[in-house]
Amino acid sequence: MIFQERIRALRKERKETQAQTAAALGLVDRHYQRFEGGTNLPSFQNIIALADHFQVNADYLLGRTDEREMLPPPAGREEPL
């Protein structure tokens, strides 16, 4: 349950809608909504994309740590405004 709470909180911190976050990740809106709702779990690639998008450690998203450890976007990948 921690995962969906964390991605929801991070999305709200960025003042993004679910549709905006989904678009930034290259997902269909409903697919992302299911992540937040806890009905679908993301693939490994989507966990990485979420961590990159929210600039946090993947372990933070997964509830393995409470340290967010803000990370810069990977080289060659710019964050949307």
C-alpha atoms as a PDB file:
ATOM      1  CA  MET A   1       0.000   0.000   0.000  1.00  0.00           C
ATOM      2  CA  ILE A   2       2.955   2.343   0.508  1.00  0.00           C
ATOM      3  CA  PHE A   3       3.739   2.449  -3.229  1.00  0.00           C
ATOM      4  CA  GLN A   4       0.427   3.923  -4.344  1.00  0.00           C
ATOM      5  CA  GLU A   5       0.396   6.398  -1.446  1.00  0.00           C
ATOM      6  CA  ARG A   6       3.873   7.598  -2.347  1.00  0.00           C
ATOM      7  CA  ILE A   7       3.256   8.078  -6.064  1.00  0.00           C
ATOM      8  CA  ARG A   8       0.006   9.921  -5.299  1.00  0.00           C
ATOM      9  CA  ALA A   9       1.760  12.228  -2.810  1.00  0.00           C
ATOM     10  CA  LEU A  10       4.663  12.862  -5.186  1.00  0.00           C
ATOM     11  CA  ARG A  11       2.282  13.642  -8.054  1.00  0.00           C
ATOM     12  CA  LYS A  12       0.353  16.095  -5.884  1.00  0.00           C
ATOM     13  CA  GLU A  13       3.598  17.762  -4.737  1.00  0.00           C
ATOM     14  CA  ARG A  14       4.338  18.432  -8.401  1.00  0.00           C
ATOM     15  CA  LYS A  15       0.774  19.702  -8.862  1.00  0.00           C
ATOM     16  CA  GLU A  16       0.217  17.268 -11.723  1.00  0.00           C
ATOM     17  CA  THR A  17      -2.960  15.522 -12.720  1.00  0.00           C
ATOM     18  CA  GLN A  18      -2.941  11.784 -13.237  1.00  0.00           C
ATOM     19  CA  ALA A  19      -3.245  12.451 -16.977  1.00  0.00           C
ATOM     20  CA  GLN A  20      -0.163  14.703 -16.956  1.00  0.00           C
ATOM     21  CA  THR A  21       1.907  12.139 -15.073  1.00  0.00           C
ATOM     22  CA  ALA A  22       0.727   9.345 -17.365  1.00  0.00           C
ATOM     23  CA  ALA A  23       1.637  11.399 -20.448  1.00  0.00           C
ATOM     24  CA  ALA A  24       5.094  12.172 -19.035  1.00  0.00           C
ATOM     25  CA  LEU A  25       5.651   8.435 -18.565  1.00  0.00           C
ATOM     26  CA  GLY A  26       4.234   7.489 -21.959  1.00  0.00           C
ATOM     27  CA  LEU A  27       1.311   5.620 -20.399  1.00  0.00           C
ATOM     28  CA  VAL A  28      -2.412   5.634 -21.011  1.00  0.00           C
ATOM     29  CA  ASP A  29      -4.214   7.585 -18.252  1.00  0.00           C
ATOM     30  CA  ARG A  30      -6.127   4.550 -17.008  1.00  0.00           C
ATOM     31  CA  HIS A  31      -2.951   2.502 -16.709  1.00  0.00           C
ATOM     32  CA  TYR A  32      -1.387   5.094 -14.394  1.00  0.00           C
ATOM     33  CA  GLN A  33      -4.650   5.438 -12.433  1.00  0.00           C
ATOM     34  CA  ARG A  34      -4.495   1.723 -11.693  1.00  0.00           C
ATOM     35  CA  PHE A  35      -1.026   2.177 -10.202  1.00  0.00           C
ATOM     36  CA  GLU A  36      -2.373   4.803  -7.796  1.00  0.00           C
ATOM     37  CA  GLY A  37      -5.447   2.717  -7.093  1.00  0.00           C
ATOM     38  CA  GLY A  38      -3.392  -0.348  -6.297  1.00  0.00           C
ATOM     39  CA  THR A  39      -5.126  -2.581  -8.836  1.00  0.00           C
ATOM     40  CA  ASN A  40      -2.035  -2.900 -11.080  1.00  0.00           C
ATOM     41  CA  LEU A  41       1.615  -3.075 -10.183  1.00  0.00           C
ATOM     42  CA  PRO A  42       4.115  -1.343 -12.465  1.00  0.00           C
ATOM     43  CA  SER A  43       6.731  -3.187 -14.449  1.00  0.00           C
ATOM     44  CA  PHE A  44      10.398  -2.779 -13.618  1.00  0.00           C
ATOM     45  CA  GLN A  45      10.698  -0.254 -16.479  1.00  0.00           C
ATOM     46  CA  ASN A  46       7.749   1.748 -15.142  1.00  0.00           C
ATOM     47  CA  ILE A  47       9.215   1.823 -11.627  1.00  0.00           C
ATOM     48  CA  ILE A  48      12.401   3.287 -13.082  1.00  0.00           C
ATOM     49  CA  ALA A  49      10.393   5.793 -15.137  1.00  0.00           C
ATOM     50  CA  LEU A  50       8.400   6.829 -12.051  1.00  0.00           C
ATOM     51  CA  ALA A  51      11.555   7.239  -9.953  1.00  0.00           C
ATOM     52  CA  ASP A  52      13.165   9.312 -12.708  1.00  0.00           C
ATOM     53  CA  HIS A  53      10.045  11.425 -13.199  1.00  0.00           C
ATOM     54  CA  PHE A  54       9.633  12.172  -9.499  1.00  0.00           C
ATOM     55  CA  GLN A  55      13.413  12.377  -8.987  1.00  0.00           C
ATOM     56  CA  VAL A  56      13.434   9.936  -6.087  1.00  0.00           C
ATOM     57  CA  ASN A  57      15.127   6.683  -5.269  1.00  0.00           C
ATOM     58  CA  ALA A  58      13.231   3.562  -6.468  1.00  0.00           C
ATOM     59  CA  ASP A  59      13.615   2.104  -2.964  1.00  0.00           C
ATOM     60  CA  TYR A  60      11.654   5.099  -1.651  1.00  0.00           C
ATOM     61  CA  LEU A  61       8.812   4.403  -4.099  1.00  0.00           C
ATOM     62  CA  LEU A  62       8.752   0.760  -3.048  1.00  0.00           C
ATOM     63  CA  GLY A  63       8.721   1.544   0.681  1.00  0.00           C
ATOM     64  CA  ARG A  64      12.150   0.051   1.338  1.00  0.00           C
ATOM     65  CA  THR A  65      13.426   3.349   2.756  1.00  0.00           C
ATOM     66  CA  ASP A  66      12.054   6.667   3.917  1.00  0.00           C
ATOM     67  CA  GLU A  67      15.017   8.517   2.388  1.00  0.00           C
ATOM     68  CA  ARG A  68      13.870  10.181  -0.810  1.00  0.00           C
ATOM     69  CA  GLU A  69      17.434  10.829  -1.971  1.00  0.00           C
ATOM     70  CA  MET A  70      16.507  13.293  -4.691  1.00  0.00           C
ATOM     71  CA  LEU A  71      18.327  12.375  -7.873  1.00  0.00           C
ATOM     72  CA  PRO A  72      18.900  14.484 -10.991  1.00  0.00           C
ATOM     73  CA  PRO A  73      17.309  13.274 -14.228  1.00  0.00           C
ATOM     74  CA  PRO A  74      19.474  10.778 -16.133  1.00  0.00           C
ATOM     75  CA  ALA A  75      21.736  12.261 -18.792  1.00  0.00           C
ATOM     76  CA  GLY A  76      19.905  12.862 -22.038  1.00  0.00           C
ATOM     77  CA  ARG A  77      16.488  12.906 -20.363  1.00  0.00           C
ATOM     78  CA  GLU A  78      14.954  16.234 -19.583  1.00  0.00           C
ATOM     79  CA  GLU A  79      12.095  16.611 -17.151  1.00  0.00           C
ATOM     80  CA  PRO A  80       8.901  18.201 -18.546  1.00  0.00           C
ATOM     81  CA  LEU A  81       8.007  21.667 -17.299  1.00  0.00           C
END
